[in-house]
Amino acid sequence: MTTLTAAPPSRPTLGWRSALAYATLAAPLAFVSLPLYVHLPHHYAAVLGMPLPALGAVLLAVRGLDAVVDPALGRLADRLFRHGKRTAWRAAALGSAVLALAFAALWQPPAGGPGSVLPWLAGALLCSTLAYSGVTILHQSWGTRWGGGPAQRARVAGWREAATLVGVLLASALPAWLGWPATSLALAALLIVGLAALAGLQDPGPAEASGATATPASPASPWGHAAFRQLLGVFMLNGIASAVPATLLPFFLADRLQLPGWQGALLTLYFSAAVLGLPLWVRAAGRWGVAAAWRAGMVASVLAFAAVPWLGAGDGAGFAVVCAASGLALGADLALPGALLTGVIHQAGHGGRGEGAYLGWWACATKLNLALAAGLALPLLATLGYRSGSTDAASLQALAWAYGGLPCALKLAAAALLRRAERLNPHWSARE
């Protein structure tokens, strides 16, 4: 059994220089995630002509396998940090090199039909996602070790997610401007900058980071803590709600709205709005409590997205309003779940000792969300008669409801589940 400890008192505000140095690596990691989860399915389906069922099967298998490995990567991160931050940094540098090479390979498949492209996609995508997961878990563990009260935890997560949004904005614009080879070079350069900034950052260390007086009698066991299980359930349900439209966006724009050329501009608008909204959600977490602010963000997202199933061909202006409003709500999903997770870890007495074990399962849940979105939504749409490029009214309506209606229902269910978990964990409502 692990002795539970009270949450540590709030620490002094994290300096902006340290916060910026920590956050910098999040930009290239996010730069990778947008192409992998938004551009890649549409590229292989519409540009390379891969059948949707085969593409969905490969994405489901690779992302599912990657998700299974994440808990082991989390335990490895804990072992690396026990040997010191320099060891953890070297592992992040090695993972970043693999990531840069595998990402470049994804956009240069061999000539030929699905028989040659499918193995290439599976291998390059698996290397990309495994490296991405390893570096991301190490980076998040580094930030989680700071601990602190609700406002401090939200601030650390907020800086990280602000850099994430910068990376996403770059990734939404550069491929259209420069093409995939130059975009791959840009990723490598950003990884080098992020690693250099992280190398000079001071690690708070286990004792300072956790603020706990009791040492766990056994290694961190996330599944032994009800609060973690409850938070993970909310996170997964909410994550699936976000992953479905992320996967289907290119199809919705091209076929339902008939505005394929708008994708770059709309993604830029969406994530720019998130940049503006993120500080507001971080401030709201300190005033209302992290859980209450996250719930408000879920409801705001539903209100912003509710009109999507009724949009039709040429409704670009209406969809732009939806993108701006839902982007403002996105900041809650970016910063606040991580802030709650940090609180759960430190409440369990594992701050500075076992973050990786928690973050490994957290990353696993994220991958499962994305795998389910791609591996189930695409074949389901194919079953309903939708094909990329379809003009059939019934299949396009099915696409509209899958893209816009299903996420709203899932978001509301996640908000209700979070409210129940908040009542079982009163410290989630703590304010500063």
Protein backbone atom coordinates (compact mmCIF):
# COMPACT_ATOMS: atom_id res chain seq x y z
CA MET A 1 0.00 0.00 0.00
CA THR A 2 1.12 3.58 -0.64
CA THR A 3 0.72 6.23 2.00
CA LEU A 4 -1.38 9.10 0.76
CA THR A 5 -0.22 12.58 1.61
CA ALA A 6 -1.84 15.94 1.57
CA ALA A 7 -1.21 18.05 -1.48
CA PRO A 8 1.89 20.19 -1.06
CA PRO A 9 1.43 23.87 -0.37
CA SER A 10 1.64 26.24 -3.27
CA ARG A 11 5.18 27.01 -4.33
CA PRO A 12 6.43 30.38 -5.56
CA THR A 13 5.34 31.33 -9.04
CA LEU A 14 7.41 29.63 -11.69
CA GLY A 15 9.64 32.14 -13.45
CA TRP A 16 8.77 32.83 -17.06
CA ARG A 17 12.29 32.03 -18.28
CA SER A 18 12.21 28.55 -16.75
CA ALA A 19 8.65 28.04 -17.96
CA LEU A 20 9.61 29.09 -21.50
CA ALA A 21 12.71 26.88 -21.51
CA TYR A 22 10.61 23.92 -20.41
CA ALA A 23 7.79 24.60 -22.86
CA THR A 24 9.95 25.01 -25.97
CA LEU A 25 10.20 21.28 -26.72
CA ALA A 26 6.40 21.02 -26.77
CA ALA A 27 6.29 23.01 -30.03
CA PRO A 28 8.01 20.42 -32.26
CA LEU A 29 6.16 17.58 -30.54
CA ALA A 30 2.87 19.25 -31.43
CA PHE A 31 4.28 19.99 -34.87
CA VAL A 32 4.44 16.21 -35.34
CA SER A 33 1.05 15.36 -33.89
CA LEU A 34 -1.11 17.44 -36.24
CA PRO A 35 0.22 15.88 -39.48
CA LEU A 36 0.12 12.38 -37.98
CA TYR A 37 -3.48 12.59 -36.82
CA VAL A 38 -5.08 15.05 -39.25
CA HIS A 39 -3.11 15.24 -42.51
CA LEU A 40 -1.91 11.65 -42.75
CA PRO A 41 -5.26 9.81 -43.14
CA HIS A 42 -6.48 12.21 -45.83
CA HIS A 43 -3.09 12.21 -47.62
CA TYR A 44 -2.96 8.44 -47.91
CA ALA A 45 -6.66 8.17 -48.84
CA ALA A 46 -7.13 11.08 -51.24
CA VAL A 47 -3.62 11.61 -52.63
CA LEU A 48 -2.26 8.07 -52.67
CA GLY A 49 -5.61 6.35 -53.22
CA MET A 50 -5.51 3.91 -50.30
CA PRO A 51 -8.92 2.32 -49.54
CA LEU A 52 -10.51 3.61 -46.31
CA PRO A 53 -10.98 0.16 -44.68
CA ALA A 54 -7.31 -0.75 -45.25
CA LEU A 55 -6.14 2.67 -44.05
CA GLY A 56 -8.34 2.49 -40.97
CA ALA A 57 -7.04 -1.00 -40.16
CA VAL A 58 -3.40 0.12 -40.38
CA LEU A 59 -4.02 3.21 -38.24
CA LEU A 60 -5.93 1.20 -35.64
CA ALA A 61 -3.26 -1.52 -35.46
CA VAL A 62 -0.24 0.81 -35.30
CA ARG A 63 -1.79 3.26 -32.85
CA GLY A 64 -3.16 0.42 -30.74
CA LEU A 65 0.29 -1.21 -30.53
CA ASP A 66 1.86 2.15 -29.75
CA ALA A 67 -0.67 2.71 -26.96
CA VAL A 68 0.13 -0.67 -25.37
CA VAL A 69 3.81 0.27 -25.17
CA ASP A 70 3.23 3.66 -23.50
CA PRO A 71 3.00 2.37 -19.89
CA ALA A 72 6.37 0.66 -20.32
CA LEU A 73 7.79 3.92 -21.69
CA GLY A 74 6.45 5.66 -18.59
CA ARG A 75 8.23 3.24 -16.25
CA LEU A 76 11.39 3.70 -18.31
CA ALA A 77 11.09 7.48 -17.88
CA ASP A 78 10.97 7.05 -14.09
CA ARG A 79 14.14 4.93 -14.19
CA LEU A 80 15.89 7.48 -16.39
CA PHE A 81 15.04 10.34 -14.03
CA ARG A 82 16.36 8.33 -11.08
CA HIS A 83 19.73 8.43 -12.84
CA GLY A 84 19.49 12.21 -13.20
CA LYS A 85 18.18 14.78 -15.63
CA ARG A 86 21.19 14.41 -17.93
CA THR A 87 20.34 10.76 -18.57
CA ALA A 88 16.71 11.67 -19.24
CA TRP A 89 17.82 14.42 -21.61
CA ARG A 90 20.04 12.06 -23.62
CA ALA A 91 17.14 9.64 -24.02
CA ALA A 92 14.95 12.53 -25.25
CA ALA A 93 17.65 13.51 -27.77
CA LEU A 94 17.87 9.95 -29.12
CA GLY A 95 14.09 9.70 -29.41
CA SER A 96 13.97 13.06 -31.19
CA ALA A 97 16.48 11.88 -33.81
CA VAL A 98 14.39 8.77 -34.53
CA LEU A 99 11.25 10.91 -34.68
CA ALA A 100 12.71 13.34 -37.22
CA LEU A 101 13.86 10.54 -39.55
CA ALA A 102 10.65 8.50 -39.34
CA PHE A 103 8.46 11.57 -39.88
CA ALA A 104 10.35 12.44 -43.06
CA ALA A 105 9.94 8.86 -44.32
CA LEU A 106 6.15 8.97 -43.89
CA TRP A 107 5.76 11.51 -46.68
CA GLN A 108 8.08 9.74 -49.12
CA PRO A 109 6.46 6.31 -49.62
CA PRO A 110 7.71 3.99 -52.38
CA ALA A 111 5.98 3.97 -55.73
CA GLY A 112 3.42 1.23 -56.25
CA GLY A 113 0.03 0.11 -55.06
CA PRO A 114 -1.26 -0.57 -51.53
CA GLY A 115 0.88 -3.72 -51.35
CA SER A 116 4.06 -1.64 -51.14
CA VAL A 117 2.67 1.49 -49.50
CA LEU A 118 0.91 -0.24 -46.59
CA PRO A 119 4.08 -1.81 -45.04
CA TRP A 120 5.96 1.47 -45.46
CA LEU A 121 3.13 3.38 -43.76
CA ALA A 122 2.95 0.88 -40.90
CA GLY A 123 6.71 0.88 -40.25
CA ALA A 124 7.29 4.62 -40.52
CA LEU A 125 4.17 5.44 -38.51
CA LEU A 126 5.10 2.99 -35.75
CA CYS A 127 8.62 4.45 -35.44
CA SER A 128 7.20 7.98 -35.45
CA THR A 129 4.57 7.33 -32.80
CA LEU A 130 6.87 5.33 -30.50
CA ALA A 131 9.53 8.04 -30.60
CA TYR A 132 6.91 10.73 -30.16
CA SER A 133 5.47 8.94 -27.14
CA GLY A 134 8.83 8.41 -25.47
CA VAL A 135 9.95 12.02 -25.84
CA THR A 136 6.53 13.38 -24.83
CA ILE A 137 6.40 11.28 -21.63
CA LEU A 138 9.90 12.41 -20.65
CA HIS A 139 8.99 16.04 -21.32
CA GLN A 140 5.72 15.91 -19.39
CA SER A 141 7.41 14.11 -16.48
CA TRP A 142 9.92 16.93 -16.30
CA GLY A 143 7.16 19.51 -15.88
CA THR A 144 5.02 17.42 -13.53
CA ARG A 145 7.89 17.25 -11.02
CA TRP A 146 7.33 20.92 -10.14
CA GLY A 147 3.99 20.19 -8.46
CA GLY A 148 2.44 23.11 -6.55
CA GLY A 149 -1.12 24.27 -6.01
CA PRO A 150 -3.93 24.47 -8.62
CA ALA A 151 -2.78 27.76 -10.13
CA GLN A 152 0.86 26.65 -10.31
CA ARG A 153 -0.04 23.34 -11.94
CA ALA A 154 -2.30 25.07 -14.43
CA ARG A 155 0.48 27.57 -15.18
CA VAL A 156 3.04 24.87 -15.97
CA ALA A 157 0.55 23.04 -18.17
CA GLY A 158 -0.53 26.33 -19.72
CA TRP A 159 3.00 27.24 -20.80
CA ARG A 160 3.48 23.77 -22.25
CA GLU A 161 0.19 23.89 -24.13
CA ALA A 162 0.85 27.42 -25.38
CA ALA A 163 4.02 26.11 -27.02
CA THR A 164 1.97 23.18 -28.26
CA LEU A 165 -0.38 25.57 -30.00
CA VAL A 166 2.54 27.40 -31.61
CA GLY A 167 3.74 24.07 -32.98
CA VAL A 168 0.27 23.21 -34.24
CA LEU A 169 -0.05 26.58 -35.99
CA LEU A 170 3.26 26.01 -37.73
CA ALA A 171 2.24 22.50 -38.72
CA SER A 172 -1.07 23.73 -40.10
CA ALA A 173 0.63 26.28 -42.36
CA LEU A 174 4.07 24.99 -43.38
CA PRO A 175 3.07 21.87 -45.37
CA ALA A 176 0.93 23.92 -47.76
CA TRP A 177 3.61 26.60 -48.11
CA LEU A 178 6.79 24.51 -48.24
CA GLY A 179 5.77 20.93 -48.96
CA TRP A 180 6.55 17.88 -46.86
CA PRO A 181 10.36 17.62 -47.40
CA ALA A 182 10.96 21.19 -46.16
CA THR A 183 8.42 20.67 -43.36
CA SER A 184 10.41 17.64 -42.20
CA LEU A 185 13.58 19.75 -42.07
CA ALA A 186 11.73 22.40 -40.05
CA LEU A 187 10.71 19.73 -37.54
CA ALA A 188 14.33 18.63 -37.10
CA ALA A 189 15.41 22.23 -36.47
CA LEU A 190 12.65 22.80 -33.89
CA LEU A 191 13.60 19.62 -32.04
CA ILE A 192 17.21 20.79 -31.78
CA VAL A 193 16.10 24.16 -30.36
CA GLY A 194 13.75 22.50 -27.85
CA LEU A 195 16.40 20.06 -26.65
CA ALA A 196 18.94 22.87 -26.23
CA ALA A 197 16.50 24.85 -24.09
CA LEU A 198 15.65 21.82 -21.96
CA ALA A 199 19.34 21.00 -21.38
CA GLY A 200 19.87 24.21 -19.41
CA LEU A 201 16.75 23.85 -17.26
CA GLN A 202 17.12 23.02 -13.58
CA ASP A 203 15.28 19.91 -12.42
CA PRO A 204 13.43 20.49 -9.11
CA GLY A 205 14.39 17.03 -7.87
CA PRO A 206 12.19 14.46 -6.10
CA ALA A 207 12.11 15.93 -2.64
CA GLU A 208 11.47 19.50 -3.74
CA ALA A 209 9.00 18.57 -6.41
CA SER A 210 6.74 16.38 -4.37
CA GLY A 211 6.65 18.20 -1.08
CA ALA A 212 5.65 14.85 0.47
CA THR A 213 6.94 13.50 3.74
CA ALA A 214 6.02 9.88 3.16
CA THR A 215 7.93 7.66 0.76
CA PRO A 216 5.93 5.07 -1.15
CA ALA A 217 6.50 1.61 0.25
CA SER A 218 6.26 0.17 -3.26
CA PRO A 219 6.68 1.52 -6.81
CA ALA A 220 4.00 3.89 -8.02
CA SER A 221 0.87 2.00 -9.03
CA PRO A 222 -1.53 4.36 -10.79
CA TRP A 223 -4.34 1.82 -10.99
CA GLY A 224 -4.34 1.50 -7.21
CA HIS A 225 -5.74 5.03 -6.89
CA ALA A 226 -9.43 5.61 -7.52
CA ALA A 227 -8.85 9.28 -8.33
CA PHE A 228 -6.57 8.37 -11.22
CA ARG A 229 -9.04 5.83 -12.59
CA GLN A 230 -11.87 8.36 -12.41
CA LEU A 231 -9.82 11.11 -14.06
CA LEU A 232 -8.64 8.77 -16.81
CA GLY A 233 -12.24 7.79 -17.59
CA VAL A 234 -13.22 11.43 -18.06
CA PHE A 235 -10.10 12.13 -20.08
CA MET A 236 -10.76 9.23 -22.46
CA LEU A 237 -14.40 10.04 -23.07
CA ASN A 238 -13.60 13.69 -23.67
CA GLY A 239 -10.61 12.71 -25.81
CA ILE A 240 -12.69 10.54 -28.12
CA ALA A 241 -15.06 13.46 -28.55
CA SER A 242 -12.12 15.57 -29.76
CA ALA A 243 -10.42 12.86 -31.83
CA VAL A 244 -13.41 12.10 -34.07
CA PRO A 245 -13.63 15.59 -35.65
CA ALA A 246 -9.82 15.82 -35.85
CA THR A 247 -9.80 12.67 -37.98
CA LEU A 248 -12.77 13.64 -40.14
CA LEU A 249 -12.01 17.34 -40.70
CA PRO A 250 -10.39 17.02 -44.17
CA PHE A 251 -13.27 14.85 -45.39
CA PHE A 252 -15.88 17.24 -43.96
CA LEU A 253 -14.26 20.25 -45.60
CA ALA A 254 -13.71 18.61 -48.97
CA ASP A 255 -17.03 16.80 -49.39
CA ARG A 256 -19.66 18.34 -47.09
CA LEU A 257 -18.63 22.00 -47.32
CA GLN A 258 -16.85 21.62 -50.68
CA LEU A 259 -14.11 23.94 -49.44
CA PRO A 260 -10.93 21.82 -49.40
CA GLY A 261 -8.70 24.85 -49.90
CA TRP A 262 -9.89 26.36 -46.63
CA GLN A 263 -8.27 23.76 -44.38
CA GLY A 264 -5.04 25.63 -43.66
CA ALA A 265 -6.77 28.94 -42.94
CA LEU A 266 -9.44 27.35 -40.73
CA LEU A 267 -6.89 25.37 -38.71
CA THR A 268 -4.89 28.54 -38.24
CA LEU A 269 -8.02 30.36 -37.05
CA TYR A 270 -8.94 27.50 -34.71
CA PHE A 271 -5.56 27.28 -33.02
CA SER A 272 -5.04 31.04 -32.97
CA ALA A 273 -8.30 31.32 -31.03
CA ALA A 274 -7.01 28.62 -28.67
CA VAL A 275 -3.85 30.67 -28.05
CA LEU A 276 -6.05 33.63 -27.05
CA GLY A 277 -8.31 31.49 -24.88
CA LEU A 278 -5.63 29.49 -23.07
CA PRO A 279 -4.61 32.21 -20.54
CA LEU A 280 -8.27 32.75 -19.69
CA TRP A 281 -8.77 29.07 -18.83
CA VAL A 282 -5.59 29.02 -16.74
CA ARG A 283 -6.89 32.05 -14.84
CA ALA A 284 -10.31 30.44 -14.49
CA ALA A 285 -8.72 27.35 -12.95
CA GLY A 286 -7.22 29.45 -10.17
CA ARG A 287 -10.54 31.23 -9.54
CA TRP A 288 -13.10 28.44 -9.96
CA GLY A 289 -11.01 25.31 -9.45
CA VAL A 290 -9.44 23.15 -12.16
CA ALA A 291 -12.32 20.65 -12.50
CA ALA A 292 -15.03 23.33 -12.65
CA ALA A 293 -13.10 25.27 -15.30
CA TRP A 294 -12.61 22.13 -17.39
CA ARG A 295 -16.33 21.34 -17.19
CA ALA A 296 -17.15 24.86 -18.33
CA GLY A 297 -14.79 24.36 -21.28
CA MET A 298 -16.60 21.16 -22.30
CA VAL A 299 -19.98 22.89 -22.27
CA ALA A 300 -18.58 25.86 -24.20
CA SER A 301 -17.22 23.48 -26.83
CA VAL A 302 -20.65 21.83 -27.25
CA LEU A 303 -22.35 25.20 -27.63
CA ALA A 304 -19.80 26.21 -30.26
CA PHE A 305 -20.08 22.97 -32.22
CA ALA A 306 -23.82 22.28 -32.03
CA ALA A 307 -24.67 23.87 -35.40
CA VAL A 308 -22.15 21.85 -37.42
CA PRO A 309 -24.50 19.04 -38.63
CA TRP A 310 -26.70 21.65 -40.35
CA LEU A 311 -23.90 23.29 -42.32
CA GLY A 312 -23.83 22.53 -46.03
CA ALA A 313 -21.92 23.26 -49.22
CA GLY A 314 -20.37 26.71 -49.25
CA ASP A 315 -21.05 27.51 -45.58
CA GLY A 316 -17.47 28.57 -45.03
CA ALA A 317 -18.27 31.71 -43.05
CA GLY A 318 -20.51 29.81 -40.63
CA PHE A 319 -17.89 27.13 -40.14
CA ALA A 320 -15.23 29.79 -39.55
CA VAL A 321 -17.33 31.11 -36.65
CA VAL A 322 -17.58 27.57 -35.29
CA CYS A 323 -13.80 27.16 -35.57
CA ALA A 324 -13.13 30.42 -33.72
CA ALA A 325 -15.61 29.68 -30.92
CA SER A 326 -14.54 26.06 -30.45
CA GLY A 327 -10.90 27.17 -30.57
CA LEU A 328 -11.50 29.51 -27.63
CA ALA A 329 -12.91 26.53 -25.71
CA LEU A 330 -9.98 24.28 -26.66
CA GLY A 331 -7.66 25.83 -24.08
CA ALA A 332 -9.58 24.09 -21.29
CA ASP A 333 -8.96 20.66 -22.85
CA LEU A 334 -5.29 21.46 -23.35
CA ALA A 335 -4.17 22.77 -19.97
CA LEU A 336 -6.63 21.58 -17.34
CA PRO A 337 -6.60 17.75 -17.59
CA GLY A 338 -2.83 17.79 -17.14
CA ALA A 339 -3.15 20.11 -14.16
CA LEU A 340 -5.64 17.71 -12.54
CA LEU A 341 -3.31 14.78 -13.24
CA THR A 342 -0.41 16.55 -11.54
CA GLY A 343 -2.61 17.06 -8.48
CA VAL A 344 -3.60 13.38 -8.44
CA ILE A 345 0.07 12.32 -8.65
CA HIS A 346 1.16 14.56 -5.81
CA GLN A 347 -1.86 13.66 -3.67
CA ALA A 348 -0.76 10.02 -4.00
CA GLY A 349 2.75 10.90 -2.76
CA HIS A 350 4.38 10.04 -6.09
CA GLY A 351 5.52 13.54 -7.06
CA GLY A 352 9.17 13.41 -8.15
CA ARG A 353 9.16 9.61 -7.83
CA GLY A 354 6.66 8.02 -10.18
CA GLU A 355 5.28 10.54 -12.66
CA GLY A 356 6.27 8.42 -15.63
CA ALA A 357 4.06 5.52 -14.58
CA TYR A 358 1.02 7.79 -14.57
CA LEU A 359 1.97 9.64 -17.74
CA GLY A 360 2.59 6.37 -19.57
CA TRP A 361 -1.00 5.29 -18.99
CA TRP A 362 -2.14 8.85 -19.79
CA ALA A 363 -0.36 8.68 -23.14
CA CYS A 364 -1.81 5.21 -23.70
CA ALA A 365 -5.31 6.60 -23.21
CA THR A 366 -4.59 9.41 -25.67
CA LYS A 367 -3.45 6.94 -28.30
CA LEU A 368 -6.46 4.70 -27.74
CA ASN A 369 -8.73 7.71 -28.27
CA LEU A 370 -7.07 8.47 -31.59
CA ALA A 371 -6.97 4.83 -32.63
CA LEU A 372 -10.68 4.42 -31.94
CA ALA A 373 -11.48 7.61 -33.82
CA ALA A 374 -9.57 6.57 -36.93
CA GLY A 375 -10.04 2.81 -36.75
CA LEU A 376 -13.77 2.87 -36.07
CA ALA A 377 -15.08 6.13 -37.54
CA LEU A 378 -13.61 5.62 -41.01
CA PRO A 379 -14.88 2.03 -41.52
CA LEU A 380 -18.24 3.03 -40.01
CA LEU A 381 -18.61 5.82 -42.55
CA ALA A 382 -17.67 3.38 -45.31
CA THR A 383 -20.39 1.02 -44.06
CA LEU A 384 -22.93 3.87 -44.20
CA GLY A 385 -22.03 4.40 -47.84
CA TYR A 386 -19.63 7.32 -47.56
CA ARG A 387 -16.52 7.38 -49.74
CA SER A 388 -13.95 10.13 -50.09
CA GLY A 389 -15.21 12.41 -52.86
CA SER A 390 -18.84 11.28 -52.50
CA THR A 391 -21.68 13.56 -53.60
CA ASP A 392 -24.55 11.39 -52.30
CA ALA A 393 -26.76 13.46 -49.97
CA ALA A 394 -27.41 10.64 -47.48
CA SER A 395 -23.75 9.71 -47.10
CA LEU A 396 -22.77 13.37 -46.71
CA GLN A 397 -25.39 13.77 -43.97
CA ALA A 398 -23.93 10.73 -42.21
CA LEU A 399 -20.53 12.41 -42.43
CA ALA A 400 -21.96 15.64 -40.97
CA TRP A 401 -23.49 13.86 -37.97
CA ALA A 402 -20.35 11.81 -37.36
CA TYR A 403 -18.22 14.95 -37.52
CA GLY A 404 -20.45 17.32 -35.57
CA GLY A 405 -23.20 15.52 -33.65
CA LEU A 406 -21.36 12.59 -32.10
CA PRO A 407 -18.63 14.75 -30.47
CA CYS A 408 -21.25 16.94 -28.78
CA ALA A 409 -22.98 13.93 -27.21
CA LEU A 410 -19.65 12.55 -25.98
CA LYS A 411 -18.60 15.92 -24.54
CA LEU A 412 -21.80 16.22 -22.51
CA ALA A 413 -21.33 12.70 -21.18
CA ALA A 414 -17.75 13.56 -20.20
CA ALA A 415 -18.90 16.71 -18.38
CA ALA A 416 -21.42 14.67 -16.37
CA LEU A 417 -18.77 12.08 -15.52
CA LEU A 418 -16.36 14.82 -14.42
CA ARG A 419 -19.01 16.32 -12.13
CA ARG A 420 -19.49 12.95 -10.45
CA ALA A 421 -15.72 12.45 -10.04
CA GLU A 422 -15.37 15.96 -8.63
CA ARG A 423 -17.86 15.13 -5.85
CA LEU A 424 -15.79 12.06 -4.97
CA ASN A 425 -12.55 14.10 -4.94
CA PRO A 426 -13.25 17.44 -3.24
CA HIS A 427 -9.65 18.65 -3.66
CA TRP A 428 -10.27 18.85 -7.42
CA SER A 429 -12.41 21.90 -6.59
CA ALA A 430 -9.62 23.67 -4.68
CA ARG A 431 -9.15 27.34 -5.55
CA GLU A 432 -6.39 29.85 -5.02
